[in-house]
Amino acid sequence: MVNEKLKAARLQMGLSQADLAKLVNVARQTINMIENGDYNPTLSLCIKICKVLNKTLDELFWRV
């Protein structure tokens, strides 16, 4: 499942995948894989991403 919410939030903040990756201390490819649904991030990484993007876990990662 593609994480469109993460991608939209990242773009809304004006961040590239590389920018976000640097802010949460992972490789750009990790962000790409999360957005494409190819990688299930740890809770710790999800929290870091949420803090950077000023979103809640529900807003970015909860699947309805």
PDB file of N, CA and C in Angstrom:
ATOM      1  N   MET A   1       0.849  -1.185   0.000  1.00  0.00           N
ATOM      2  CA  MET A   1       0.000   0.000   0.000  1.00  0.00           C
ATOM      3  C   MET A   1       0.891   1.244   0.000  1.00  0.00           C
ATOM      4  N   VAL A   2       0.649   2.116  -0.939  1.00  0.00           N
ATOM      5  CA  VAL A   2       1.418   3.351  -1.050  1.00  0.00           C
ATOM      6  C   VAL A   2       0.990   4.311   0.047  1.00  0.00           C
ATOM      7  N   ASN A   3       1.969   4.957   0.683  1.00  0.00           N
ATOM      8  CA  ASN A   3       1.664   5.909   1.751  1.00  0.00           C
ATOM      9  C   ASN A   3       1.586   7.315   1.161  1.00  0.00           C
ATOM     10  N   GLU A   4       0.438   7.623   0.556  1.00  0.00           N
ATOM     11  CA  GLU A   4       0.219   8.942  -0.042  1.00  0.00           C
ATOM     12  C   GLU A   4       0.184  10.036   1.020  1.00  0.00           C
ATOM     13  N   LYS A   5      -0.288   9.689   2.222  1.00  0.00           N
ATOM     14  CA  LYS A   5      -0.366  10.695   3.290  1.00  0.00           C
ATOM     15  C   LYS A   5       1.020  11.187   3.685  1.00  0.00           C
ATOM     16  N   LEU A   6       1.962  10.278   3.759  1.00  0.00           N
ATOM     17  CA  LEU A   6       3.332  10.659   4.093  1.00  0.00           C
ATOM     18  C   LEU A   6       3.920  11.536   2.996  1.00  0.00           C
ATOM     19  N   LYS A   7       3.757  11.114   1.760  1.00  0.00           N
ATOM     20  CA  LYS A   7       4.294  11.883   0.642  1.00  0.00           C
ATOM     21  C   LYS A   7       3.680  13.274   0.589  1.00  0.00           C
ATOM     22  N   ALA A   8       2.362  13.360   0.758  1.00  0.00           N
ATOM     23  CA  ALA A   8       1.681  14.657   0.721  1.00  0.00           C
ATOM     24  C   ALA A   8       2.164  15.571   1.844  1.00  0.00           C
ATOM     25  N   ALA A   9       2.332  15.015   3.041  1.00  0.00           N
ATOM     26  CA  ALA A   9       2.802  15.820   4.184  1.00  0.00           C
ATOM     27  C   ALA A   9       4.224  16.300   3.957  1.00  0.00           C
ATOM     28  N   ARG A  10       5.039  15.438   3.392  1.00  0.00           N
ATOM     29  CA  ARG A  10       6.438  15.801   3.099  1.00  0.00           C
ATOM     30  C   ARG A  10       6.491  16.937   2.083  1.00  0.00           C
ATOM     31  N   LEU A  11       5.709  16.803   1.023  1.00  0.00           N
ATOM     32  CA  LEU A  11       5.690  17.834  -0.015  1.00  0.00           C
ATOM     33  C   LEU A  11       5.097  19.147   0.499  1.00  0.00           C
ATOM     34  N   GLN A  12       4.098  19.048   1.371  1.00  0.00           N
ATOM     35  CA  GLN A  12       3.482  20.241   1.961  1.00  0.00           C
ATOM     36  C   GLN A  12       4.501  21.037   2.773  1.00  0.00           C
ATOM     37  N   MET A  13       5.447  20.337   3.379  1.00  0.00           N
ATOM     38  CA  MET A  13       6.508  20.996   4.153  1.00  0.00           C
ATOM     39  C   MET A  13       7.654  21.464   3.249  1.00  0.00           C
ATOM     40  N   GLY A  14       7.568  21.146   1.954  1.00  0.00           N
ATOM     41  CA  GLY A  14       8.611  21.546   1.019  1.00  0.00           C
ATOM     42  C   GLY A  14       9.879  20.739   1.138  1.00  0.00           C
ATOM     43  N   LEU A  15       9.751  19.487   1.581  1.00  0.00           N
ATOM     44  CA  LEU A  15      10.921  18.627   1.787  1.00  0.00           C
ATOM     45  C   LEU A  15      11.034  17.580   0.684  1.00  0.00           C
ATOM     46  N   SER A  16      12.235  17.339   0.246  1.00  0.00           N
ATOM     47  CA  SER A  16      12.491  16.214  -0.661  1.00  0.00           C
ATOM     48  C   SER A  16      12.634  14.953   0.198  1.00  0.00           C
ATOM     49  N   GLN A  17      12.661  13.812  -0.456  1.00  0.00           N
ATOM     50  CA  GLN A  17      12.907  12.577   0.282  1.00  0.00           C
ATOM     51  C   GLN A  17      14.262  12.643   0.976  1.00  0.00           C
ATOM     52  N   ALA A  18      15.244  13.204   0.307  1.00  0.00           N
ATOM     53  CA  ALA A  18      16.584  13.313   0.893  1.00  0.00           C
ATOM     54  C   ALA A  18      16.573  14.232   2.115  1.00  0.00           C
ATOM     55  N   ASP A  19      15.817  15.328   2.035  1.00  0.00           N
ATOM     56  CA  ASP A  19      15.718  16.255   3.176  1.00  0.00           C
ATOM     57  C   ASP A  19      15.128  15.551   4.390  1.00  0.00           C
ATOM     58  N   LEU A  20      14.013  14.873   4.183  1.00  0.00           N
ATOM     59  CA  LEU A  20      13.352  14.178   5.290  1.00  0.00           C
ATOM     60  C   LEU A  20      14.263  13.086   5.847  1.00  0.00           C
ATOM     61  N   ALA A  21      14.892  12.354   4.961  1.00  0.00           N
ATOM     62  CA  ALA A  21      15.796  11.287   5.402  1.00  0.00           C
ATOM     63  C   ALA A  21      16.893  11.838   6.294  1.00  0.00           C
ATOM     64  N   LYS A  22      17.473  12.947   5.903  1.00  0.00           N
ATOM     65  CA  LYS A  22      18.545  13.547   6.696  1.00  0.00           C
ATOM     66  C   LYS A  22      18.036  13.969   8.075  1.00  0.00           C
ATOM     67  N   LEU A  23      16.828  14.525   8.120  1.00  0.00           N
ATOM     68  CA  LEU A  23      16.261  14.998   9.386  1.00  0.00           C
ATOM     69  C   LEU A  23      15.947  13.862  10.364  1.00  0.00           C
ATOM     70  N   VAL A  24      15.644  12.676   9.830  1.00  0.00           N
ATOM     71  CA  VAL A  24      15.323  11.540  10.705  1.00  0.00           C
ATOM     72  C   VAL A  24      16.442  10.494  10.739  1.00  0.00           C
ATOM     73  N   ASN A  25      17.568  10.837  10.104  1.00  0.00           N
ATOM     74  CA  ASN A  25      18.778  10.016  10.163  1.00  0.00           C
ATOM     75  C   ASN A  25      18.619   8.626   9.535  1.00  0.00           C
ATOM     76  N   VAL A  26      18.045   8.604   8.316  1.00  0.00           N
ATOM     77  CA  VAL A  26      17.980   7.369   7.537  1.00  0.00           C
ATOM     78  C   VAL A  26      18.412   7.691   6.104  1.00  0.00           C
ATOM     79  N   ALA A  27      18.532   6.679   5.282  1.00  0.00           N
ATOM     80  CA  ALA A  27      18.870   6.878   3.873  1.00  0.00           C
ATOM     81  C   ALA A  27      17.632   7.348   3.104  1.00  0.00           C
ATOM     82  N   ARG A  28      17.858   8.079   2.029  1.00  0.00           N
ATOM     83  CA  ARG A  28      16.749   8.540   1.195  1.00  0.00           C
ATOM     84  C   ARG A  28      15.936   7.355   0.687  1.00  0.00           C
ATOM     85  N   GLN A  29      16.620   6.258   0.395  1.00  0.00           N
ATOM     86  CA  GLN A  29      15.936   5.067  -0.100  1.00  0.00           C
ATOM     87  C   GLN A  29      14.933   4.530   0.914  1.00  0.00           C
ATOM     88  N   THR A  30      15.208   4.714   2.195  1.00  0.00           N
ATOM     89  CA  THR A  30      14.278   4.260   3.236  1.00  0.00           C
ATOM     90  C   THR A  30      12.973   5.036   3.138  1.00  0.00           C
ATOM     91  N   ILE A  31      13.063   6.350   2.966  1.00  0.00           N
ATOM     92  CA  ILE A  31      11.855   7.173   2.821  1.00  0.00           C
ATOM     93  C   ILE A  31      11.102   6.757   1.564  1.00  0.00           C
ATOM     94  N   ASN A  32      11.829   6.529   0.481  1.00  0.00           N
ATOM     95  CA  ASN A  32      11.211   6.092  -0.769  1.00  0.00           C
ATOM     96  C   ASN A  32      10.466   4.776  -0.577  1.00  0.00           C
ATOM     97  N   MET A  33      11.093   3.822   0.106  1.00  0.00           N
ATOM     98  CA  MET A  33      10.461   2.517   0.334  1.00  0.00           C
ATOM     99  C   MET A  33       9.230   2.636   1.223  1.00  0.00           C
ATOM    100  N   ILE A  34       9.274   3.511   2.230  1.00  0.00           N
ATOM    101  CA  ILE A  34       8.103   3.716   3.090  1.00  0.00           C
ATOM    102  C   ILE A  34       6.960   4.294   2.262  1.00  0.00           C
ATOM    103  N   GLU A  35       7.260   5.312   1.458  1.00  0.00           N
ATOM    104  CA  GLU A  35       6.218   5.944   0.642  1.00  0.00           C
ATOM    105  C   GLU A  35       5.628   4.969  -0.379  1.00  0.00           C
ATOM    106  N   ASN A  36       6.444   4.040  -0.871  1.00  0.00           N
ATOM    107  CA  ASN A  36       5.972   3.072  -1.865  1.00  0.00           C
ATOM    108  C   ASN A  36       5.355   1.824  -1.245  1.00  0.00           C
ATOM    109  N   GLY A  37       5.356   1.750   0.089  1.00  0.00           N
ATOM    110  CA  GLY A  37       4.768   0.597   0.761  1.00  0.00           C
ATOM    111  C   GLY A  37       5.650  -0.636   0.743  1.00  0.00           C
ATOM    112  N   ASP A  38       6.944  -0.438   0.474  1.00  0.00           N
ATOM    113  CA  ASP A  38       7.873  -1.559   0.409  1.00  0.00           C
ATOM    114  C   ASP A  38       8.647  -1.783   1.705  1.00  0.00           C
ATOM    115  N   TYR A  39       8.405  -0.946   2.703  1.00  0.00           N
ATOM    116  CA  TYR A  39       9.141  -1.043   3.962  1.00  0.00           C
ATOM    117  C   TYR A  39       8.220  -0.645   5.095  1.00  0.00           C
ATOM    118  N   ASN A  40       8.205  -1.454   6.142  1.00  0.00           N
ATOM    119  CA  ASN A  40       7.396  -1.169   7.320  1.00  0.00           C
ATOM    120  C   ASN A  40       8.312  -0.567   8.383  1.00  0.00           C
ATOM    121  N   PRO A  41       8.237   0.754   8.596  1.00  0.00           N
ATOM    122  CA  PRO A  41       9.173   1.393   9.524  1.00  0.00           C
ATOM    123  C   PRO A  41       8.893   1.025  10.975  1.00  0.00           C
ATOM    124  N   THR A  42       9.921   1.137  11.785  1.00  0.00           N
ATOM    125  CA  THR A  42       9.753   0.903  13.221  1.00  0.00           C
ATOM    126  C   THR A  42       8.907   2.030  13.811  1.00  0.00           C
ATOM    127  N   LEU A  43       8.356   1.782  14.973  1.00  0.00           N
ATOM    128  CA  LEU A  43       7.579   2.811  15.661  1.00  0.00           C
ATOM    129  C   LEU A  43       8.447   4.027  15.948  1.00  0.00           C
ATOM    130  N   SER A  44       9.678   3.791  16.317  1.00  0.00           N
ATOM    131  CA  SER A  44      10.600   4.886  16.601  1.00  0.00           C
ATOM    132  C   SER A  44      10.792   5.780  15.374  1.00  0.00           C
ATOM    133  N   LEU A  45      10.972   5.178  14.212  1.00  0.00           N
ATOM    134  CA  LEU A  45      11.137   5.955  12.987  1.00  0.00           C
ATOM    135  C   LEU A  45       9.845   6.684  12.633  1.00  0.00           C
ATOM    136  N   CYS A  46       8.714   6.036  12.809  1.00  0.00           N
ATOM    137  CA  CYS A  46       7.425   6.691  12.552  1.00  0.00           C
ATOM    138  C   CYS A  46       7.273   7.944  13.409  1.00  0.00           C
ATOM    139  N   ILE A  47       7.640   7.840  14.663  1.00  0.00           N
ATOM    140  CA  ILE A  47       7.537   8.983  15.575  1.00  0.00           C
ATOM    141  C   ILE A  47       8.457  10.112  15.136  1.00  0.00           C
ATOM    142  N   LYS A  48       9.680   9.779  14.734  1.00  0.00           N
ATOM    143  CA  LYS A  48      10.608  10.801  14.250  1.00  0.00           C
ATOM    144  C   LYS A  48      10.043  11.520  13.032  1.00  0.00           C
ATOM    145  N   ILE A  49       9.500  10.755  12.097  1.00  0.00           N
ATOM    146  CA  ILE A  49       8.916  11.345  10.890  1.00  0.00           C
ATOM    147  C   ILE A  49       7.747  12.251  11.249  1.00  0.00           C
ATOM    148  N   CYS A  50       6.896  11.792  12.156  1.00  0.00           N
ATOM    149  CA  CYS A  50       5.745  12.594  12.584  1.00  0.00           C
ATOM    150  C   CYS A  50       6.177  13.911  13.213  1.00  0.00           C
ATOM    151  N   LYS A  51       7.196  13.866  14.034  1.00  0.00           N
ATOM    152  CA  LYS A  51       7.681  15.095  14.673  1.00  0.00           C
ATOM    153  C   LYS A  51       8.196  16.086  13.644  1.00  0.00           C
ATOM    154  N   VAL A  52       8.958  15.608  12.679  1.00  0.00           N
ATOM    155  CA  VAL A  52       9.501  16.489  11.646  1.00  0.00           C
ATOM    156  C   VAL A  52       8.377  17.102  10.803  1.00  0.00           C
ATOM    157  N   LEU A  53       7.369  16.297  10.481  1.00  0.00           N
ATOM    158  CA  LEU A  53       6.288  16.763   9.615  1.00  0.00           C
ATOM    159  C   LEU A  53       5.128  17.388  10.389  1.00  0.00           C
ATOM    160  N   ASN A  54       5.258  17.442  11.714  1.00  0.00           N
ATOM    161  CA  ASN A  54       4.227  18.031  12.576  1.00  0.00           C
ATOM    162  C   ASN A  54       2.865  17.364  12.370  1.00  0.00           C
ATOM    163  N   LYS A  55       2.882  16.040  12.351  1.00  0.00           N
ATOM    164  CA  LYS A  55       1.673  15.230  12.180  1.00  0.00           C
ATOM    165  C   LYS A  55       1.615  14.183  13.275  1.00  0.00           C
ATOM    166  N   THR A  56       0.438  13.593  13.470  1.00  0.00           N
ATOM    167  CA  THR A  56       0.292  12.502  14.425  1.00  0.00           C
ATOM    168  C   THR A  56       0.513  11.162  13.718  1.00  0.00           C
ATOM    169  N   LEU A  57       0.733  10.132  14.506  1.00  0.00           N
ATOM    170  CA  LEU A  57       0.858   8.793  13.938  1.00  0.00           C
ATOM    171  C   LEU A  57      -0.400   8.423  13.159  1.00  0.00           C
ATOM    172  N   ASP A  58      -1.556   8.768  13.709  1.00  0.00           N
ATOM    173  CA  ASP A  58      -2.823   8.474  13.025  1.00  0.00           C
ATOM    174  C   ASP A  58      -2.894   9.161  11.672  1.00  0.00           C
ATOM    175  N   GLU A  59      -2.462  10.405  11.613  1.00  0.00           N
ATOM    176  CA  GLU A  59      -2.546  11.167  10.365  1.00  0.00           C
ATOM    177  C   GLU A  59      -1.676  10.581   9.258  1.00  0.00           C
ATOM    178  N   LEU A  60      -0.516  10.047   9.619  1.00  0.00           N
ATOM    179  CA  LEU A  60       0.402   9.561   8.598  1.00  0.00           C
ATOM    180  C   LEU A  60       0.395   8.058   8.381  1.00  0.00           C
ATOM    181  N   PHE A  61       0.152   7.294   9.427  1.00  0.00           N
ATOM    182  CA  PHE A  61       0.366   5.853   9.300  1.00  0.00           C
ATOM    183  C   PHE A  61      -0.861   4.977   9.555  1.00  0.00           C
ATOM    184  N   TRP A  62      -1.937   5.540  10.049  1.00  0.00           N
ATOM    185  CA  TRP A  62      -3.122   4.720  10.317  1.00  0.00           C
ATOM    186  C   TRP A  62      -3.820   4.401   9.001  1.00  0.00           C
ATOM    187  N   ARG A  63      -4.033   3.142   8.752  1.00  0.00           N
ATOM    188  CA  ARG A  63      -4.705   2.723   7.520  1.00  0.00           C
ATOM    189  C   ARG A  63      -6.182   2.470   7.796  1.00  0.00           C
ATOM    190  N   VAL A  64      -7.011   3.122   7.040  1.00  0.00           N
ATOM    191  CA  VAL A  64      -8.468   2.994   7.216  1.00  0.00           C
ATOM    192  C   VAL A  64      -9.019   2.000   6.242  1.00  0.00           C
TER     193      VAL A  64
END
